[in-house]
Amino acid sequence: MVKVKRLVLDVLKPHQPGALEFCRQIAASGEGYRVCLKVDEVDENTQTLQLEICGEDLALESIERVIADMGASLHSIDLVEAHNPADAD
C-alpha cells in the first residue's frame, strides 16, 4: 500500500491562531506528524504559509479539515512524497 510521507502545502490563514498553535493543531491531527511552518507573506488580515508535514502515513483529508476548522484555506499542494513499501525489497 502506497503511503504519503511528506506534503508541502500553500495555505492562507488569518493572523489568529498564531503559527505555534496552528502547527500544534495540525501535528495533533495524525500520529507522529511533524510540521514545519514558514511564513511567506503577511498582509493586514492574513498570512500566506508554506507548511511541510511529514509522517508515516499522512491523511490529507484530516489535515484539510483541521486547516479549515482554524479559518484557513488550502491554496495548493506544492509537493507530495509517497512511498511504496514493496519497493524496499
PDB file of N, CA and C in Angstrom:
ATOM      1  N   MET A   1       0.845  -1.192   0.000  1.00  0.00           N
ATOM      2  CA  MET A   1       0.000   0.000   0.000  1.00  0.00           C
ATOM      3  C   MET A   1       0.884   1.247   0.000  1.00  0.00           C
ATOM      4  N   VAL A   2       0.632   2.135  -0.915  1.00  0.00           N
ATOM      5  CA  VAL A   2       1.407   3.368  -1.024  1.00  0.00           C
ATOM      6  C   VAL A   2       1.016   4.311   0.111  1.00  0.00           C
ATOM      7  N   LYS A   3       2.028   4.891   0.747  1.00  0.00           N
ATOM      8  CA  LYS A   3       1.795   5.822   1.861  1.00  0.00           C
ATOM      9  C   LYS A   3       2.397   7.177   1.528  1.00  0.00           C
ATOM     10  N   VAL A   4       1.663   8.229   1.886  1.00  0.00           N
ATOM     11  CA  VAL A   4       2.158   9.586   1.705  1.00  0.00           C
ATOM     12  C   VAL A   4       3.018   9.923   2.923  1.00  0.00           C
ATOM     13  N   LYS A   5       4.266  10.281   2.664  1.00  0.00           N
ATOM     14  CA  LYS A   5       5.232  10.557   3.725  1.00  0.00           C
ATOM     15  C   LYS A   5       5.474  12.042   3.969  1.00  0.00           C
ATOM     16  N   ARG A   6       5.295  12.857   2.904  1.00  0.00           N
ATOM     17  CA  ARG A   6       5.572  14.289   3.046  1.00  0.00           C
ATOM     18  C   ARG A   6       4.682  15.080   2.113  1.00  0.00           C
ATOM     19  N   LEU A   7       4.179  16.204   2.639  1.00  0.00           N
ATOM     20  CA  LEU A   7       3.384  17.147   1.865  1.00  0.00           C
ATOM     21  C   LEU A   7       3.933  18.544   2.092  1.00  0.00           C
ATOM     22  N   VAL A   8       3.977  19.345   1.051  1.00  0.00           N
ATOM     23  CA  VAL A   8       4.255  20.768   1.180  1.00  0.00           C
ATOM     24  C   VAL A   8       3.022  21.487   0.645  1.00  0.00           C
ATOM     25  N   LEU A   9       2.414  22.284   1.517  1.00  0.00           N
ATOM     26  CA  LEU A   9       1.144  22.935   1.211  1.00  0.00           C
ATOM     27  C   LEU A   9       1.280  24.446   1.250  1.00  0.00           C
ATOM     28  N   ASP A  10       0.580  25.121   0.364  1.00  0.00           N
ATOM     29  CA  ASP A  10       0.466  26.576   0.362  1.00  0.00           C
ATOM     30  C   ASP A  10      -0.874  26.894   1.017  1.00  0.00           C
ATOM     31  N   VAL A  11      -0.824  27.614   2.130  1.00  0.00           N
ATOM     32  CA  VAL A  11      -2.020  27.857   2.944  1.00  0.00           C
ATOM     33  C   VAL A  11      -2.168  29.351   3.214  1.00  0.00           C
ATOM     34  N   LEU A  12      -3.398  29.837   3.168  1.00  0.00           N
ATOM     35  CA  LEU A  12      -3.723  31.202   3.567  1.00  0.00           C
ATOM     36  C   LEU A  12      -4.492  31.122   4.873  1.00  0.00           C
ATOM     37  N   LYS A  13      -3.987  31.816   5.904  1.00  0.00           N
ATOM     38  CA  LYS A  13      -4.656  31.762   7.214  1.00  0.00           C
ATOM     39  C   LYS A  13      -4.797  33.161   7.795  1.00  0.00           C
ATOM     40  N   PRO A  14      -5.798  33.357   8.661  1.00  0.00           N
ATOM     41  CA  PRO A  14      -5.894  34.619   9.387  1.00  0.00           C
ATOM     42  C   PRO A  14      -4.738  34.705  10.398  1.00  0.00           C
ATOM     43  N   HIS A  15      -4.509  35.877  10.958  1.00  0.00           N
ATOM     44  CA  HIS A  15      -3.413  36.045  11.919  1.00  0.00           C
ATOM     45  C   HIS A  15      -3.583  35.166  13.159  1.00  0.00           C
ATOM     46  N   GLN A  16      -4.811  34.905  13.521  1.00  0.00           N
ATOM     47  CA  GLN A  16      -5.075  34.039  14.674  1.00  0.00           C
ATOM     48  C   GLN A  16      -5.807  32.796  14.208  1.00  0.00           C
ATOM     49  N   PRO A  17      -5.461  31.619  14.656  1.00  0.00           N
ATOM     50  CA  PRO A  17      -4.451  31.336  15.667  1.00  0.00           C
ATOM     51  C   PRO A  17      -3.044  31.609  15.136  1.00  0.00           C
ATOM     52  N   GLY A  18      -2.123  31.818  16.075  1.00  0.00           N
ATOM     53  CA  GLY A  18      -0.735  32.076  15.725  1.00  0.00           C
ATOM     54  C   GLY A  18      -0.061  30.841  15.143  1.00  0.00           C
ATOM     55  N   ALA A  19       1.143  31.031  14.668  1.00  0.00           N
ATOM     56  CA  ALA A  19       1.885  29.965  13.995  1.00  0.00           C
ATOM     57  C   ALA A  19       2.098  28.753  14.898  1.00  0.00           C
ATOM     58  N   LEU A  20       2.436  28.964  16.141  1.00  0.00           N
ATOM     59  CA  LEU A  20       2.702  27.850  17.053  1.00  0.00           C
ATOM     60  C   LEU A  20       1.456  26.988  17.255  1.00  0.00           C
ATOM     61  N   GLU A  21       0.323  27.628  17.534  1.00  0.00           N
ATOM     62  CA  GLU A  21      -0.918  26.878  17.733  1.00  0.00           C
ATOM     63  C   GLU A  21      -1.368  26.208  16.441  1.00  0.00           C
ATOM     64  N   PHE A  22      -1.188  26.880  15.320  1.00  0.00           N
ATOM     65  CA  PHE A  22      -1.546  26.315  14.026  1.00  0.00           C
ATOM     66  C   PHE A  22      -0.774  25.014  13.798  1.00  0.00           C
ATOM     67  N   CYS A  23       0.534  25.048  14.033  1.00  0.00           N
ATOM     68  CA  CYS A  23       1.375  23.846  13.886  1.00  0.00           C
ATOM     69  C   CYS A  23       0.951  22.742  14.852  1.00  0.00           C
ATOM     70  N   ARG A  24       0.693  23.118  16.084  1.00  0.00           N
ATOM     71  CA  ARG A  24       0.291  22.116  17.082  1.00  0.00           C
ATOM     72  C   ARG A  24      -0.981  21.382  16.666  1.00  0.00           C
ATOM     73  N   GLN A  25      -1.956  22.132  16.179  1.00  0.00           N
ATOM     74  CA  GLN A  25      -3.227  21.523  15.787  1.00  0.00           C
ATOM     75  C   GLN A  25      -3.051  20.569  14.604  1.00  0.00           C
ATOM     76  N   ILE A  26      -2.243  20.968  13.653  1.00  0.00           N
ATOM     77  CA  ILE A  26      -2.012  20.090  12.501  1.00  0.00           C
ATOM     78  C   ILE A  26      -1.223  18.856  12.929  1.00  0.00           C
ATOM     79  N   ALA A  27      -0.206  19.037  13.758  1.00  0.00           N
ATOM     80  CA  ALA A  27       0.579  17.894  14.244  1.00  0.00           C
ATOM     81  C   ALA A  27      -0.295  16.924  15.032  1.00  0.00           C
ATOM     82  N   ALA A  28      -1.271  17.451  15.758  1.00  0.00           N
ATOM     83  CA  ALA A  28      -2.158  16.611  16.561  1.00  0.00           C
ATOM     84  C   ALA A  28      -3.185  15.852  15.718  1.00  0.00           C
ATOM     85  N   SER A  29      -3.318  16.203  14.438  1.00  0.00           N
ATOM     86  CA  SER A  29      -4.337  15.575  13.599  1.00  0.00           C
ATOM     87  C   SER A  29      -3.950  14.167  13.138  1.00  0.00           C
ATOM     88  N   GLY A  30      -2.714  13.757  13.384  1.00  0.00           N
ATOM     89  CA  GLY A  30      -2.290  12.414  12.996  1.00  0.00           C
ATOM     90  C   GLY A  30      -1.153  11.926  13.871  1.00  0.00           C
ATOM     91  N   GLU A  31      -1.001  10.635  13.920  1.00  0.00           N
ATOM     92  CA  GLU A  31       0.029  10.037  14.760  1.00  0.00           C
ATOM     93  C   GLU A  31       1.413  10.245  14.158  1.00  0.00           C
ATOM     94  N   GLY A  32       2.313  10.843  14.933  1.00  0.00           N
ATOM     95  CA  GLY A  32       3.692  11.019  14.500  1.00  0.00           C
ATOM     96  C   GLY A  32       3.919  12.111  13.467  1.00  0.00           C
ATOM     97  N   TYR A  33       2.955  13.012  13.289  1.00  0.00           N
ATOM     98  CA  TYR A  33       3.126  14.087  12.313  1.00  0.00           C
ATOM     99  C   TYR A  33       4.162  15.100  12.808  1.00  0.00           C
ATOM    100  N   ARG A  34       5.021  15.542  11.893  1.00  0.00           N
ATOM    101  CA  ARG A  34       5.967  16.623  12.148  1.00  0.00           C
ATOM    102  C   ARG A  34       5.599  17.758  11.197  1.00  0.00           C
ATOM    103  N   VAL A  35       5.533  18.973  11.730  1.00  0.00           N
ATOM    104  CA  VAL A  35       5.073  20.113  10.937  1.00  0.00           C
ATOM    105  C   VAL A  35       6.104  21.231  10.995  1.00  0.00           C
ATOM    106  N   CYS A  36       6.428  21.745   9.828  1.00  0.00           N
ATOM    107  CA  CYS A  36       7.317  22.900   9.708  1.00  0.00           C
ATOM    108  C   CYS A  36       6.531  23.991   8.987  1.00  0.00           C
ATOM    109  N   LEU A  37       6.480  25.180   9.576  1.00  0.00           N
ATOM    110  CA  LEU A  37       5.710  26.285   9.022  1.00  0.00           C
ATOM    111  C   LEU A  37       6.651  27.428   8.679  1.00  0.00           C
ATOM    112  N   LYS A  38       6.507  27.969   7.476  1.00  0.00           N
ATOM    113  CA  LYS A  38       7.270  29.140   7.047  1.00  0.00           C
ATOM    114  C   LYS A  38       6.274  30.192   6.582  1.00  0.00           C
ATOM    115  N   VAL A  39       6.374  31.393   7.136  1.00  0.00           N
ATOM    116  CA  VAL A  39       5.515  32.499   6.711  1.00  0.00           C
ATOM    117  C   VAL A  39       6.155  33.128   5.477  1.00  0.00           C
ATOM    118  N   ASP A  40       5.430  33.086   4.367  1.00  0.00           N
ATOM    119  CA  ASP A  40       5.935  33.653   3.118  1.00  0.00           C
ATOM    120  C   ASP A  40       5.515  35.103   2.917  1.00  0.00           C
ATOM    121  N   GLU A  41       4.315  35.437   3.410  1.00  0.00           N
ATOM    122  CA  GLU A  41       3.773  36.768   3.175  1.00  0.00           C
ATOM    123  C   GLU A  41       2.809  37.132   4.289  1.00  0.00           C
ATOM    124  N   VAL A  42       2.783  38.412   4.647  1.00  0.00           N
ATOM    125  CA  VAL A  42       1.851  38.902   5.668  1.00  0.00           C
ATOM    126  C   VAL A  42       1.165  40.137   5.111  1.00  0.00           C
ATOM    127  N   ASP A  43      -0.158  40.180   5.260  1.00  0.00           N
ATOM    128  CA  ASP A  43      -0.856  41.414   4.946  1.00  0.00           C
ATOM    129  C   ASP A  43      -1.702  41.808   6.148  1.00  0.00           C
ATOM    130  N   GLU A  44      -2.590  42.737   5.965  1.00  0.00           N
ATOM    131  CA  GLU A  44      -3.357  43.288   7.084  1.00  0.00           C
ATOM    132  C   GLU A  44      -4.173  42.221   7.829  1.00  0.00           C
ATOM    133  N   ASN A  45      -4.752  41.278   7.095  1.00  0.00           N
ATOM    134  CA  ASN A  45      -5.656  40.307   7.712  1.00  0.00           C
ATOM    135  C   ASN A  45      -5.192  38.860   7.652  1.00  0.00           C
ATOM    136  N   THR A  46      -4.235  38.555   6.789  1.00  0.00           N
ATOM    137  CA  THR A  46      -3.878  37.153   6.562  1.00  0.00           C
ATOM    138  C   THR A  46      -2.371  36.935   6.474  1.00  0.00           C
ATOM    139  N   GLN A  47      -2.012  35.664   6.522  1.00  0.00           N
ATOM    140  CA  GLN A  47      -0.639  35.222   6.315  1.00  0.00           C
ATOM    141  C   GLN A  47      -0.660  34.105   5.269  1.00  0.00           C
ATOM    142  N   THR A  48       0.298  34.149   4.362  1.00  0.00           N
ATOM    143  CA  THR A  48       0.484  33.061   3.411  1.00  0.00           C
ATOM    144  C   THR A  48       1.609  32.193   3.943  1.00  0.00           C
ATOM    145  N   LEU A  49       1.330  30.901   4.077  1.00  0.00           N
ATOM    146  CA  LEU A  49       2.264  29.977   4.706  1.00  0.00           C
ATOM    147  C   LEU A  49       2.689  28.883   3.746  1.00  0.00           C
ATOM    148  N   GLN A  50       3.871  28.369   4.001  1.00  0.00           N
ATOM    149  CA  GLN A  50       4.291  27.116   3.396  1.00  0.00           C
ATOM    150  C   GLN A  50       4.379  26.123   4.551  1.00  0.00           C
ATOM    151  N   LEU A  51       3.588  25.072   4.474  1.00  0.00           N
ATOM    152  CA  LEU A  51       3.580  24.025   5.501  1.00  0.00           C
ATOM    153  C   LEU A  51       4.227  22.777   4.945  1.00  0.00           C
ATOM    154  N   GLU A  52       5.183  22.243   5.673  1.00  0.00           N
ATOM    155  CA  GLU A  52       5.755  20.947   5.335  1.00  0.00           C
ATOM    156  C   GLU A  52       5.340  19.987   6.435  1.00  0.00           C
ATOM    157  N   ILE A  53       4.643  18.939   6.046  1.00  0.00           N
ATOM    158  CA  ILE A  53       4.132  17.960   7.003  1.00  0.00           C
ATOM    159  C   ILE A  53       4.729  16.609   6.639  1.00  0.00           C
ATOM    160  N   CYS A  54       5.333  15.953   7.621  1.00  0.00           N
ATOM    161  CA  CYS A  54       5.962  14.653   7.416  1.00  0.00           C
ATOM    162  C   CYS A  54       5.377  13.652   8.403  1.00  0.00           C
ATOM    163  N   GLY A  55       5.307  12.407   7.985  1.00  0.00           N
ATOM    164  CA  GLY A  55       4.814  11.340   8.848  1.00  0.00           C
ATOM    165  C   GLY A  55       4.862  10.023   8.116  1.00  0.00           C
ATOM    166  N   GLU A  56       4.444   8.982   8.793  1.00  0.00           N
ATOM    167  CA  GLU A  56       4.481   7.639   8.212  1.00  0.00           C
ATOM    168  C   GLU A  56       3.362   7.390   7.207  1.00  0.00           C
ATOM    169  N   ASP A  57       2.211   8.037   7.418  1.00  0.00           N
ATOM    170  CA  ASP A  57       1.062   7.827   6.529  1.00  0.00           C
ATOM    171  C   ASP A  57       0.121   9.024   6.673  1.00  0.00           C
ATOM    172  N   LEU A  58       0.408  10.098   5.952  1.00  0.00           N
ATOM    173  CA  LEU A  58      -0.359  11.334   6.079  1.00  0.00           C
ATOM    174  C   LEU A  58      -1.758  11.188   5.489  1.00  0.00           C
ATOM    175  N   ALA A  59      -2.724  11.754   6.181  1.00  0.00           N
ATOM    176  CA  ALA A  59      -4.123  11.751   5.719  1.00  0.00           C
ATOM    177  C   ALA A  59      -4.503  13.177   5.340  1.00  0.00           C
ATOM    178  N   LEU A  60      -4.452  13.476   4.049  1.00  0.00           N
ATOM    179  CA  LEU A  60      -4.717  14.832   3.584  1.00  0.00           C
ATOM    180  C   LEU A  60      -6.104  15.316   4.000  1.00  0.00           C
ATOM    181  N   GLU A  61      -7.085  14.443   3.983  1.00  0.00           N
ATOM    182  CA  GLU A  61      -8.448  14.846   4.343  1.00  0.00           C
ATOM    183  C   GLU A  61      -8.504  15.391   5.771  1.00  0.00           C
ATOM    184  N   SER A  62      -7.842  14.722   6.701  1.00  0.00           N
ATOM    185  CA  SER A  62      -7.805  15.185   8.101  1.00  0.00           C
ATOM    186  C   SER A  62      -7.067  16.503   8.223  1.00  0.00           C
ATOM    187  N   ILE A  63      -5.974  16.624   7.502  1.00  0.00           N
ATOM    188  CA  ILE A  63      -5.181  17.853   7.543  1.00  0.00           C
ATOM    189  C   ILE A  63      -6.002  19.012   6.985  1.00  0.00           C
ATOM    190  N   GLU A  64      -6.679  18.790   5.866  1.00  0.00           N
ATOM    191  CA  GLU A  64      -7.537  19.830   5.280  1.00  0.00           C
ATOM    192  C   GLU A  64      -8.636  20.257   6.243  1.00  0.00           C
ATOM    193  N   ARG A  65      -9.224  19.305   6.948  1.00  0.00           N
ATOM    194  CA  ARG A  65     -10.293  19.611   7.900  1.00  0.00           C
ATOM    195  C   ARG A  65      -9.774  20.500   9.034  1.00  0.00           C
ATOM    196  N   VAL A  66      -8.596  20.181   9.566  1.00  0.00           N
ATOM    197  CA  VAL A  66      -8.009  20.985  10.645  1.00  0.00           C
ATOM    198  C   VAL A  66      -7.688  22.390  10.136  1.00  0.00           C
ATOM    199  N   ILE A  67      -7.142  22.492   8.945  1.00  0.00           N
ATOM    200  CA  ILE A  67      -6.836  23.794   8.352  1.00  0.00           C
ATOM    201  C   ILE A  67      -8.119  24.625   8.242  1.00  0.00           C
ATOM    202  N   ALA A  68      -9.180  24.035   7.721  1.00  0.00           N
ATOM    203  CA  ALA A  68     -10.460  24.749   7.567  1.00  0.00           C
ATOM    204  C   ALA A  68     -11.059  25.119   8.918  1.00  0.00           C
ATOM    205  N   ASP A  69     -10.967  24.220   9.904  1.00  0.00           N
ATOM    206  CA  ASP A  69     -11.511  24.495  11.237  1.00  0.00           C
ATOM    207  C   ASP A  69     -10.842  25.694  11.902  1.00  0.00           C
ATOM    208  N   MET A  70      -9.600  25.993  11.495  1.00  0.00           N
ATOM    209  CA  MET A  70      -8.889  27.146  12.063  1.00  0.00           C
ATOM    210  C   MET A  70      -9.070  28.399  11.198  1.00  0.00           C
ATOM    211  N   GLY A  71      -9.992  28.344  10.239  1.00  0.00           N
ATOM    212  CA  GLY A  71     -10.318  29.508   9.424  1.00  0.00           C
ATOM    213  C   GLY A  71      -9.365  29.756   8.269  1.00  0.00           C
ATOM    214  N   ALA A  72      -8.533  28.772   7.953  1.00  0.00           N
ATOM    215  CA  ALA A  72      -7.561  28.913   6.868  1.00  0.00           C
ATOM    216  C   ALA A  72      -8.050  28.154   5.639  1.00  0.00           C
ATOM    217  N   SER A  73      -7.340  28.340   4.523  1.00  0.00           N
ATOM    218  CA  SER A  73      -7.702  27.615   3.312  1.00  0.00           C
ATOM    219  C   SER A  73      -6.447  27.100   2.612  1.00  0.00           C
ATOM    220  N   LEU A  74      -6.584  25.919   2.059  1.00  0.00           N
ATOM    221  CA  LEU A  74      -5.511  25.293   1.305  1.00  0.00           C
ATOM    222  C   LEU A  74      -5.544  25.848  -0.112  1.00  0.00           C
ATOM    223  N   HIS A  75      -4.461  26.520  -0.515  1.00  0.00           N
ATOM    224  CA  HIS A  75      -4.392  27.070  -1.872  1.00  0.00           C
ATOM    225  C   HIS A  75      -3.864  26.052  -2.864  1.00  0.00           C
ATOM    226  N   SER A  76      -2.829  25.312  -2.473  1.00  0.00           N
ATOM    227  CA  SER A  76      -2.278  24.329  -3.397  1.00  0.00           C
ATOM    228  C   SER A  76      -1.446  23.295  -2.653  1.00  0.00           C
ATOM    229  N   ILE A  77      -1.305  22.154  -3.300  1.00  0.00           N
ATOM    230  CA  ILE A  77      -0.385  21.116  -2.843  1.00  0.00           C
ATOM    231  C   ILE A  77       0.846  21.272  -3.723  1.00  0.00           C
ATOM    232  N   ASP A  78       1.951  21.704  -3.126  1.00  0.00           N
ATOM    233  CA  ASP A  78       3.146  22.031  -3.898  1.00  0.00           C
ATOM    234  C   ASP A  78       4.135  20.875  -4.021  1.00  0.00           C
ATOM    235  N   LEU A  79       4.043  19.905  -3.136  1.00  0.00           N
ATOM    236  CA  LEU A  79       4.945  18.756  -3.199  1.00  0.00           C
ATOM    237  C   LEU A  79       4.298  17.582  -2.487  1.00  0.00           C
ATOM    238  N   VAL A  80       4.441  16.402  -3.065  1.00  0.00           N
ATOM    239  CA  VAL A  80       3.972  15.161  -2.444  1.00  0.00           C
ATOM    240  C   VAL A  80       5.099  14.156  -2.529  1.00  0.00           C
ATOM    241  N   GLU A  81       5.384  13.510  -1.426  1.00  0.00           N
ATOM    242  CA  GLU A  81       6.332  12.388  -1.419  1.00  0.00           C
ATOM    243  C   GLU A  81       5.572  11.163  -0.948  1.00  0.00           C
ATOM    244  N   ALA A  82       5.531  10.152  -1.798  1.00  0.00           N
ATOM    245  CA  ALA A  82       4.835   8.908  -1.476  1.00  0.00           C
ATOM    246  C   ALA A  82       5.829   7.764  -1.511  1.00  0.00           C
ATOM    247  N   HIS A  83       5.508   6.692  -0.779  1.00  0.00           N
ATOM    248  CA  HIS A  83       6.418   5.557  -0.663  1.00  0.00           C
ATOM    249  C   HIS A  83       5.600   4.269  -0.794  1.00  0.00           C
ATOM    250  N   ASN A  84       6.094   3.374  -1.610  1.00  0.00           N
ATOM    251  CA  ASN A  84       5.510   2.056  -1.744  1.00  0.00           C
ATOM    252  C   ASN A  84       6.422   1.072  -1.036  1.00  0.00           C
ATOM    253  N   PRO A  85       6.031   0.562   0.126  1.00  0.00           N
ATOM    254  CA  PRO A  85       6.893  -0.340   0.878  1.00  0.00           C
ATOM    255  C   PRO A  85       7.386  -1.547   0.064  1.00  0.00           C
ATOM    256  N   ALA A  86       6.627  -1.958  -0.934  1.00  0.00           N
ATOM    257  CA  ALA A  86       7.056  -3.091  -1.768  1.00  0.00           C
ATOM    258  C   ALA A  86       8.335  -2.753  -2.532  1.00  0.00           C
ATOM    259  N   ASP A  87       8.563  -1.453  -2.764  1.00  0.00           N
ATOM    260  CA  ASP A  87       9.777  -1.029  -3.465  1.00  0.00           C
ATOM    261  C   ASP A  87      11.033  -1.218  -2.628  1.00  0.00           C
ATOM    262  N   ALA A  88      10.876  -1.406  -1.318  1.00  0.00           N
ATOM    263  CA  ALA A  88      12.025  -1.520  -0.426  1.00  0.00           C
ATOM    264  C   ALA A  88      12.713  -2.879  -0.518  1.00  0.00           C
ATOM    265  N   ASP A  89      12.062  -3.851  -1.140  1.00  0.00           N
ATOM    266  CA  ASP A  89      12.653  -5.197  -1.206  1.00  0.00           C
ATOM    267  C   ASP A  89      13.846  -5.255  -2.107  1.00  0.00           C
TER     268      ASP A  89
END
